């Protein structure tokens, strides 16, 4: 499939690229090996909706810096494979807009400048997964930090299988240009130079250690996100092929 998934930043940070992480792959847990082995042409796929109700839903976490193109690639994956795309941020905003008691609680946390408890976020994700009627999920921008990672394991660790973590690797310069270009039409208050630099710093300090943890677990798949959306998606299809059977 097209190009090998790689990225300049990823190479500098870890000294490795997708396709060369055999050592990390050997560290994969027995449960994950069993999950991946079930995703073959000769057995029912974890990423097939033709499953028994007792089977756990399968999750792909989608991570990357602000402006790396996660949303664009998630939309293409949904269009191509029919998976469900969930964003923790979108779910929180929707719950607030609903006016529910949980929404009011979330709104109060935000107004007071407090972090919404990760258990709340995980339970929103769980509810969305249960009500979707599907078994295959992309979770976008989560877990963002160690607290998210630990919370997921507490709330969802026994309820879902994390099949892989898709990491869109992109230089800060490319992401900055994309975000500033988006600012011309998006109207988003966080698409300005000062806020963008702060978001980059938070990503490096809080998200990259979690990404490193997934790499240690053998779950990480890094894809260079600096090409055109079409070129990136060709690589993504190759990365996802063990799950899709392509």
C-alpha atoms as a PDB file:
ATOM      1  CA  UNK A   1       0.000   0.000   0.000  1.00  0.00           C
ATOM      2  CA  UNK A   2       1.507   3.310  -1.188  1.00  0.00           C
ATOM      3  CA  UNK A   3       4.137   4.713   1.194  1.00  0.00           C
ATOM      4  CA  UNK A   4       5.528   3.443   4.439  1.00  0.00           C
ATOM      5  CA  UNK A   5       3.988   5.316   7.351  1.00  0.00           C
ATOM      6  CA  UNK A   6       6.616   7.554   8.908  1.00  0.00           C
ATOM      7  CA  UNK A   7       7.192  11.087  10.121  1.00  0.00           C
ATOM      8  CA  UNK A   8      10.170  13.377  10.620  1.00  0.00           C
ATOM      9  CA  UNK A   9       9.143  14.350  14.131  1.00  0.00           C
ATOM     10  CA  UNK A  10       8.482  10.746  15.082  1.00  0.00           C
ATOM     11  CA  UNK A  11      11.887   9.675  13.842  1.00  0.00           C
ATOM     12  CA  UNK A  12      13.630  12.445  15.788  1.00  0.00           C
ATOM     13  CA  UNK A  13      11.650  11.809  18.970  1.00  0.00           C
ATOM     14  CA  UNK A  14      11.826   8.037  19.099  1.00  0.00           C
ATOM     15  CA  UNK A  15      14.525   7.089  16.576  1.00  0.00           C
ATOM     16  CA  UNK A  16      12.111   4.706  14.895  1.00  0.00           C
ATOM     17  CA  UNK A  17       9.392   4.644  12.243  1.00  0.00           C
ATOM     18  CA  UNK A  18       6.279   2.638  11.526  1.00  0.00           C
ATOM     19  CA  UNK A  19       7.325  -0.680  10.046  1.00  0.00           C
ATOM     20  CA  UNK A  20      10.526  -0.841  12.142  1.00  0.00           C
ATOM     21  CA  UNK A  21       9.031  -1.266  15.590  1.00  0.00           C
ATOM     22  CA  UNK A  22       9.405  -5.031  15.824  1.00  0.00           C
ATOM     23  CA  UNK A  23      10.843  -4.793  19.317  1.00  0.00           C
ATOM     24  CA  UNK A  24       7.817  -2.902  20.568  1.00  0.00           C
ATOM     25  CA  UNK A  25       5.515  -5.333  18.805  1.00  0.00           C
ATOM     26  CA  UNK A  26       7.040  -8.171  20.814  1.00  0.00           C
ATOM     27  CA  UNK A  27       5.905  -6.429  24.008  1.00  0.00           C
ATOM     28  CA  UNK A  28       2.249  -6.650  23.041  1.00  0.00           C
ATOM     29  CA  UNK A  29       0.137  -8.236  25.716  1.00  0.00           C
ATOM     30  CA  UNK A  30      -1.363 -11.703  25.336  1.00  0.00           C
ATOM     31  CA  UNK A  31      -4.854 -10.228  25.241  1.00  0.00           C
ATOM     32  CA  UNK A  32      -3.943  -7.904  22.386  1.00  0.00           C
ATOM     33  CA  UNK A  33      -2.299 -10.731  20.451  1.00  0.00           C
ATOM     34  CA  UNK A  34      -5.488 -12.745  20.804  1.00  0.00           C
ATOM     35  CA  UNK A  35      -7.516  -9.776  19.601  1.00  0.00           C
ATOM     36  CA  UNK A  36      -5.333  -9.215  16.540  1.00  0.00           C
ATOM     37  CA  UNK A  37      -5.235 -12.903  15.658  1.00  0.00           C
ATOM     38  CA  UNK A  38      -9.028 -12.914  15.584  1.00  0.00           C
ATOM     39  CA  UNK A  39      -8.977 -10.164  12.932  1.00  0.00           C
ATOM     40  CA  UNK A  40      -8.145 -12.454  10.027  1.00  0.00           C
ATOM     41  CA  UNK A  41     -10.008 -13.683   6.995  1.00  0.00           C
ATOM     42  CA  UNK A  42     -10.397 -17.123   8.526  1.00  0.00           C
ATOM     43  CA  UNK A  43     -12.133 -15.903  11.674  1.00  0.00           C
ATOM     44  CA  UNK A  44     -14.840 -13.379  12.583  1.00  0.00           C
ATOM     45  CA  UNK A  45     -13.326  -9.888  12.714  1.00  0.00           C
ATOM     46  CA  UNK A  46     -13.424  -7.706  15.831  1.00  0.00           C
ATOM     47  CA  UNK A  47     -14.201  -4.948  13.328  1.00  0.00           C
ATOM     48  CA  UNK A  48     -17.223  -6.659  11.865  1.00  0.00           C
ATOM     49  CA  UNK A  49     -20.727  -5.854  13.010  1.00  0.00           C
ATOM     50  CA  UNK A  50     -21.580  -9.550  12.609  1.00  0.00           C
ATOM     51  CA  UNK A  51     -20.678 -10.402  16.196  1.00  0.00           C
ATOM     52  CA  UNK A  52     -22.428 -11.908  19.158  1.00  0.00           C
ATOM     53  CA  UNK A  53     -23.700  -9.408  21.765  1.00  0.00           C
ATOM     54  CA  UNK A  54     -21.228 -10.748  24.324  1.00  0.00           C
ATOM     55  CA  UNK A  55     -18.187  -9.619  22.337  1.00  0.00           C
ATOM     56  CA  UNK A  56     -16.476  -6.428  23.458  1.00  0.00           C
ATOM     57  CA  UNK A  57     -16.519  -3.366  21.188  1.00  0.00           C
ATOM     58  CA  UNK A  58     -13.245  -2.609  19.411  1.00  0.00           C
ATOM     59  CA  UNK A  59     -11.627   0.815  19.735  1.00  0.00           C
ATOM     60  CA  UNK A  60      -8.972   2.684  17.781  1.00  0.00           C
ATOM     61  CA  UNK A  61      -7.673   5.761  19.603  1.00  0.00           C
ATOM     62  CA  UNK A  62      -6.783   8.594  17.200  1.00  0.00           C
ATOM     63  CA  UNK A  63      -4.120  10.988  18.481  1.00  0.00           C
ATOM     64  CA  UNK A  64      -2.024  13.842  17.118  1.00  0.00           C
ATOM     65  CA  UNK A  65      -1.236  17.491  17.656  1.00  0.00           C
ATOM     66  CA  UNK A  66      -3.714  20.313  16.969  1.00  0.00           C
ATOM     67  CA  UNK A  67      -4.013  20.784  13.214  1.00  0.00           C
ATOM     68  CA  UNK A  68      -2.585  17.380  12.277  1.00  0.00           C
ATOM     69  CA  UNK A  69      -5.767  16.412  10.391  1.00  0.00           C
ATOM     70  CA  UNK A  70      -7.316  13.857  12.770  1.00  0.00           C
ATOM     71  CA  UNK A  71     -10.851  14.981  11.984  1.00  0.00           C
ATOM     72  CA  UNK A  72     -10.372  14.757   8.229  1.00  0.00           C
ATOM     73  CA  UNK A  73      -8.922  11.253   8.408  1.00  0.00           C
ATOM     74  CA  UNK A  74     -11.567  10.054  10.868  1.00  0.00           C
ATOM     75  CA  UNK A  75     -14.279  11.226   8.458  1.00  0.00           C
ATOM     76  CA  UNK A  76     -12.678   9.233   5.651  1.00  0.00           C
ATOM     77  CA  UNK A  77     -12.386   6.123   7.796  1.00  0.00           C
ATOM     78  CA  UNK A  78     -16.067   6.422   8.721  1.00  0.00           C
ATOM     79  CA  UNK A  79     -17.072   6.875   5.069  1.00  0.00           C
ATOM     80  CA  UNK A  80     -14.963   3.913   3.953  1.00  0.00           C
ATOM     81  CA  UNK A  81     -15.550   1.390   6.731  1.00  0.00           C
ATOM     82  CA  UNK A  82     -18.653   2.580   8.565  1.00  0.00           C
ATOM     83  CA  UNK A  83     -17.017   2.825  11.962  1.00  0.00           C
ATOM     84  CA  UNK A  84     -18.380   5.218  14.593  1.00  0.00           C
ATOM     85  CA  UNK A  85     -16.350   8.387  15.233  1.00  0.00           C
ATOM     86  CA  UNK A  86     -16.507   9.732  18.784  1.00  0.00           C
ATOM     87  CA  UNK A  87     -14.903  12.913  20.100  1.00  0.00           C
ATOM     88  CA  UNK A  88     -14.681  13.356  23.865  1.00  0.00           C
ATOM     89  CA  UNK A  89     -14.864  17.132  23.478  1.00  0.00           C
ATOM     90  CA  UNK A  90     -17.936  16.949  21.254  1.00  0.00           C
ATOM     91  CA  UNK A  91     -19.671  14.620  23.714  1.00  0.00           C
ATOM     92  CA  UNK A  92     -18.991  16.981  26.619  1.00  0.00           C
ATOM     93  CA  UNK A  93     -20.327  19.974  24.657  1.00  0.00           C
ATOM     94  CA  UNK A  94     -23.406  18.033  23.564  1.00  0.00           C
ATOM     95  CA  UNK A  95     -24.149  16.985  27.141  1.00  0.00           C
ATOM     96  CA  UNK A  96     -23.932  20.608  28.299  1.00  0.00           C
ATOM     97  CA  UNK A  97     -26.237  21.706  25.473  1.00  0.00           C
ATOM     98  CA  UNK A  98     -28.769  19.015  26.405  1.00  0.00           C
ATOM     99  CA  UNK A  99     -29.488  20.694  29.743  1.00  0.00           C
ATOM    100  CA  UNK A 100     -29.336  17.371  31.585  1.00  0.00           C
ATOM    101  CA  UNK A 101     -28.202  17.183  35.232  1.00  0.00           C
ATOM    102  CA  UNK A 102     -24.861  15.790  34.022  1.00  0.00           C
ATOM    103  CA  UNK A 103     -24.643  18.628  31.509  1.00  0.00           C
ATOM    104  CA  UNK A 104     -25.200  21.187  34.258  1.00  0.00           C
ATOM    105  CA  UNK A 105     -22.487  19.563  36.348  1.00  0.00           C
ATOM    106  CA  UNK A 106     -20.050  19.662  33.421  1.00  0.00           C
ATOM    107  CA  UNK A 107     -20.949  23.294  32.737  1.00  0.00           C
ATOM    108  CA  UNK A 108     -20.255  24.210  36.356  1.00  0.00           C
ATOM    109  CA  UNK A 109     -16.829  22.571  36.232  1.00  0.00           C
ATOM    110  CA  UNK A 110     -15.999  24.524  33.083  1.00  0.00           C
ATOM    111  CA  UNK A 111     -17.268  27.825  34.486  1.00  0.00           C
ATOM    112  CA  UNK A 112     -15.163  27.362  37.598  1.00  0.00           C
ATOM    113  CA  UNK A 113     -12.096  26.594  35.514  1.00  0.00           C
ATOM    114  CA  UNK A 114     -11.904  23.035  36.842  1.00  0.00           C
ATOM    115  CA  UNK A 115     -11.068  19.902  34.881  1.00  0.00           C
ATOM    116  CA  UNK A 116     -14.091  17.687  34.216  1.00  0.00           C
ATOM    117  CA  UNK A 117     -13.494  14.372  36.038  1.00  0.00           C
ATOM    118  CA  UNK A 118     -12.214  11.757  33.615  1.00  0.00           C
ATOM    119  CA  UNK A 119     -14.862   9.306  34.854  1.00  0.00           C
ATOM    120  CA  UNK A 120     -17.518  11.661  33.490  1.00  0.00           C
ATOM    121  CA  UNK A 121     -15.845  11.738  30.075  1.00  0.00           C
ATOM    122  CA  UNK A 122     -15.387   7.964  29.998  1.00  0.00           C
ATOM    123  CA  UNK A 123     -19.007   7.366  30.962  1.00  0.00           C
ATOM    124  CA  UNK A 124     -20.149   9.679  28.140  1.00  0.00           C
ATOM    125  CA  UNK A 125     -17.996   7.668  25.740  1.00  0.00           C
ATOM    126  CA  UNK A 126     -19.416   4.437  27.093  1.00  0.00           C
ATOM    127  CA  UNK A 127     -23.005   5.671  26.759  1.00  0.00           C
ATOM    128  CA  UNK A 128     -22.374   6.810  23.170  1.00  0.00           C
ATOM    129  CA  UNK A 129     -20.888   3.436  22.317  1.00  0.00           C
ATOM    130  CA  UNK A 130     -23.778   1.527  23.862  1.00  0.00           C
ATOM    131  CA  UNK A 131     -26.493   3.628  22.212  1.00  0.00           C
ATOM    132  CA  UNK A 132     -24.838   3.519  18.774  1.00  0.00           C
ATOM    133  CA  UNK A 133     -25.683  -0.135  18.272  1.00  0.00           C
ATOM    134  CA  UNK A 134     -22.245  -0.604  16.694  1.00  0.00           C
ATOM    135  CA  UNK A 135     -19.111  -2.458  17.739  1.00  0.00           C
ATOM    136  CA  UNK A 136     -16.298  -0.543  16.031  1.00  0.00           C
ATOM    137  CA  UNK A 137     -15.166   2.885  17.207  1.00  0.00           C
ATOM    138  CA  UNK A 138     -12.686   5.658  16.492  1.00  0.00           C
ATOM    139  CA  UNK A 139     -12.117   7.768  19.612  1.00  0.00           C
ATOM    140  CA  UNK A 140     -10.610  11.078  18.585  1.00  0.00           C
ATOM    141  CA  UNK A 141      -8.274  13.112  20.800  1.00  0.00           C
ATOM    142  CA  UNK A 142      -8.479  10.784  23.781  1.00  0.00           C
ATOM    143  CA  UNK A 143      -6.668   9.881  25.997  1.00  0.00           C
ATOM    144  CA  UNK A 144      -4.927  13.272  26.048  1.00  0.00           C
ATOM    145  CA  UNK A 145      -2.898  12.731  29.217  1.00  0.00           C
ATOM    146  CA  UNK A 146      -2.023  10.241  31.931  1.00  0.00           C
ATOM    147  CA  UNK A 147      -5.205  11.026  33.860  1.00  0.00           C
ATOM    148  CA  UNK A 148      -7.284  10.171  30.770  1.00  0.00           C
ATOM    149  CA  UNK A 149      -5.284   6.986  30.235  1.00  0.00           C
ATOM    150  CA  UNK A 150      -5.745   5.832  33.824  1.00  0.00           C
ATOM    151  CA  UNK A 151      -9.432   6.793  33.827  1.00  0.00           C
ATOM    152  CA  UNK A 152     -10.093   4.811  30.647  1.00  0.00           C
ATOM    153  CA  UNK A 153      -8.482   1.737  32.171  1.00  0.00           C
ATOM    154  CA  UNK A 154     -10.589   2.092  35.327  1.00  0.00           C
ATOM    155  CA  UNK A 155     -13.920   2.711  33.614  1.00  0.00           C
ATOM    156  CA  UNK A 156     -13.575   0.960  30.252  1.00  0.00           C
ATOM    157  CA  UNK A 157     -10.621  -1.386  30.568  1.00  0.00           C
ATOM    158  CA  UNK A 158     -12.792  -4.471  30.919  1.00  0.00           C
ATOM    159  CA  UNK A 159     -15.559  -3.224  28.622  1.00  0.00           C
ATOM    160  CA  UNK A 160     -13.690  -2.586  25.346  1.00  0.00           C
ATOM    161  CA  UNK A 161     -10.672  -3.801  23.400  1.00  0.00           C
ATOM    162  CA  UNK A 162      -8.170  -1.167  22.247  1.00  0.00           C
ATOM    163  CA  UNK A 163      -7.081  -2.609  18.896  1.00  0.00           C
ATOM    164  CA  UNK A 164      -4.502   0.077  18.086  1.00  0.00           C
ATOM    165  CA  UNK A 165      -3.579   3.737  18.522  1.00  0.00           C
ATOM    166  CA  UNK A 166      -3.368   5.747  15.298  1.00  0.00           C
ATOM    167  CA  UNK A 167      -0.917   8.646  15.742  1.00  0.00           C
ATOM    168  CA  UNK A 168      -0.803  11.398  13.105  1.00  0.00           C
ATOM    169  CA  UNK A 169       2.719  12.774  13.239  1.00  0.00           C
ATOM    170  CA  UNK A 170       3.098  16.335  11.946  1.00  0.00           C
ATOM    171  CA  UNK A 171       5.628  19.119  12.509  1.00  0.00           C
ATOM    172  CA  UNK A 172       4.563  22.128  14.534  1.00  0.00           C
ATOM    173  CA  UNK A 173       5.299  24.439  11.605  1.00  0.00           C
ATOM    174  CA  UNK A 174       2.894  22.580   9.308  1.00  0.00           C
ATOM    175  CA  UNK A 175       0.214  22.412  12.021  1.00  0.00           C
ATOM    176  CA  UNK A 176       0.638  26.123  12.795  1.00  0.00           C
ATOM    177  CA  UNK A 177       0.112  27.076   9.143  1.00  0.00           C
ATOM    178  CA  UNK A 178      -2.983  24.885   8.933  1.00  0.00           C
ATOM    179  CA  UNK A 179      -4.502  26.315  12.112  1.00  0.00           C
ATOM    180  CA  UNK A 180      -3.848  29.926  11.106  1.00  0.00           C
ATOM    181  CA  UNK A 181      -5.372  29.189   7.702  1.00  0.00           C
ATOM    182  CA  UNK A 182      -8.401  27.642   9.386  1.00  0.00           C
ATOM    183  CA  UNK A 183      -8.752  30.714  11.593  1.00  0.00           C
ATOM    184  CA  UNK A 184      -9.666  32.799   8.542  1.00  0.00           C
ATOM    185  CA  UNK A 185     -12.974  30.959   8.222  1.00  0.00           C
ATOM    186  CA  UNK A 186     -13.540  28.920  11.404  1.00  0.00           C
ATOM    187  CA  UNK A 187     -14.250  31.726  13.849  1.00  0.00           C
ATOM    188  CA  UNK A 188     -12.639  29.616  16.592  1.00  0.00           C
ATOM    189  CA  UNK A 189     -11.143  31.760  19.337  1.00  0.00           C
ATOM    190  CA  UNK A 190      -8.340  29.244  19.941  1.00  0.00           C
ATOM    191  CA  UNK A 191      -7.021  29.536  16.366  1.00  0.00           C
ATOM    192  CA  UNK A 192      -4.601  32.369  17.111  1.00  0.00           C
ATOM    193  CA  UNK A 193      -0.828  32.397  17.334  1.00  0.00           C
ATOM    194  CA  UNK A 194      -0.498  32.663  21.119  1.00  0.00           C
ATOM    195  CA  UNK A 195      -3.081  29.997  21.881  1.00  0.00           C
ATOM    196  CA  UNK A 196      -1.711  27.680  19.199  1.00  0.00           C
ATOM    197  CA  UNK A 197       1.758  27.776  20.796  1.00  0.00           C
ATOM    198  CA  UNK A 198       0.235  26.985  24.198  1.00  0.00           C
ATOM    199  CA  UNK A 199      -1.678  24.050  22.705  1.00  0.00           C
ATOM    200  CA  UNK A 200       1.539  22.712  21.160  1.00  0.00           C
ATOM    201  CA  UNK A 201       3.303  22.917  24.535  1.00  0.00           C
ATOM    202  CA  UNK A 202       0.454  21.120  26.318  1.00  0.00           C
ATOM    203  CA  UNK A 203       0.476  18.402  23.659  1.00  0.00           C
ATOM    204  CA  UNK A 204       4.221  17.835  24.047  1.00  0.00           C
ATOM    205  CA  UNK A 205       4.121  17.849  27.846  1.00  0.00           C
ATOM    206  CA  UNK A 206       0.920  15.867  28.436  1.00  0.00           C
ATOM    207  CA  UNK A 207       0.051  13.834  25.345  1.00  0.00           C
ATOM    208  CA  UNK A 208       3.447  12.688  24.097  1.00  0.00           C
ATOM    209  CA  UNK A 209       4.201  10.691  27.286  1.00  0.00           C
ATOM    210  CA  UNK A 210       0.917   8.811  26.803  1.00  0.00           C
ATOM    211  CA  UNK A 211       1.801   8.209  23.154  1.00  0.00           C
ATOM    212  CA  UNK A 212       5.156   6.840  24.355  1.00  0.00           C
ATOM    213  CA  UNK A 213       3.300   4.510  26.699  1.00  0.00           C
ATOM    214  CA  UNK A 214       1.194   3.138  23.837  1.00  0.00           C
ATOM    215  CA  UNK A 215       4.387   2.628  21.838  1.00  0.00           C
ATOM    216  CA  UNK A 216       5.820   0.605  24.712  1.00  0.00           C
ATOM    217  CA  UNK A 217       2.664  -1.526  24.686  1.00  0.00           C
ATOM    218  CA  UNK A 218       3.054  -2.224  20.972  1.00  0.00           C
ATOM    219  CA  UNK A 219      -0.261  -0.542  20.143  1.00  0.00           C
ATOM    220  CA  UNK A 220       1.032   2.558  18.371  1.00  0.00           C
ATOM    221  CA  UNK A 221       0.892   3.080  14.587  1.00  0.00           C
ATOM    222  CA  UNK A 222       2.526   6.358  13.497  1.00  0.00           C
ATOM    223  CA  UNK A 223       1.576   7.959  10.181  1.00  0.00           C
ATOM    224  CA  UNK A 224       3.154  11.066   8.671  1.00  0.00           C
ATOM    225  CA  UNK A 225       0.358  13.638   8.332  1.00  0.00           C
ATOM    226  CA  UNK A 226       2.233  16.250   6.312  1.00  0.00           C
ATOM    227  CA  UNK A 227       1.103  15.071   2.869  1.00  0.00           C
ATOM    228  CA  UNK A 228      -2.225  15.756   1.189  1.00  0.00           C
ATOM    229  CA  UNK A 229      -5.327  14.195   2.797  1.00  0.00           C
ATOM    230  CA  UNK A 230      -5.548  11.676  -0.061  1.00  0.00           C
ATOM    231  CA  UNK A 231      -1.914  10.611   0.365  1.00  0.00           C
ATOM    232  CA  UNK A 232      -2.269  10.320   4.130  1.00  0.00           C
ATOM    233  CA  UNK A 233      -5.409   8.220   3.802  1.00  0.00           C
ATOM    234  CA  UNK A 234      -3.681   5.762   1.476  1.00  0.00           C
ATOM    235  CA  UNK A 235      -1.141   5.102   4.223  1.00  0.00           C
ATOM    236  CA  UNK A 236      -3.909   4.928   6.841  1.00  0.00           C
ATOM    237  CA  UNK A 237      -5.672   2.228   4.835  1.00  0.00           C
ATOM    238  CA  UNK A 238      -2.492   0.169   4.880  1.00  0.00           C
ATOM    239  CA  UNK A 239      -2.075   0.643   8.626  1.00  0.00           C
ATOM    240  CA  UNK A 240      -5.676  -0.400   9.261  1.00  0.00           C
ATOM    241  CA  UNK A 241      -5.533  -3.392   6.914  1.00  0.00           C
ATOM    242  CA  UNK A 242      -5.020  -5.955   9.737  1.00  0.00           C
ATOM    243  CA  UNK A 243      -8.381  -4.781  11.091  1.00  0.00           C
ATOM    244  CA  UNK A 244     -10.255  -4.343   7.821  1.00  0.00           C
ATOM    245  CA  UNK A 245      -8.932  -7.348   5.883  1.00  0.00           C
ATOM    246  CA  UNK A 246      -7.935  -5.186   2.893  1.00  0.00           C
END
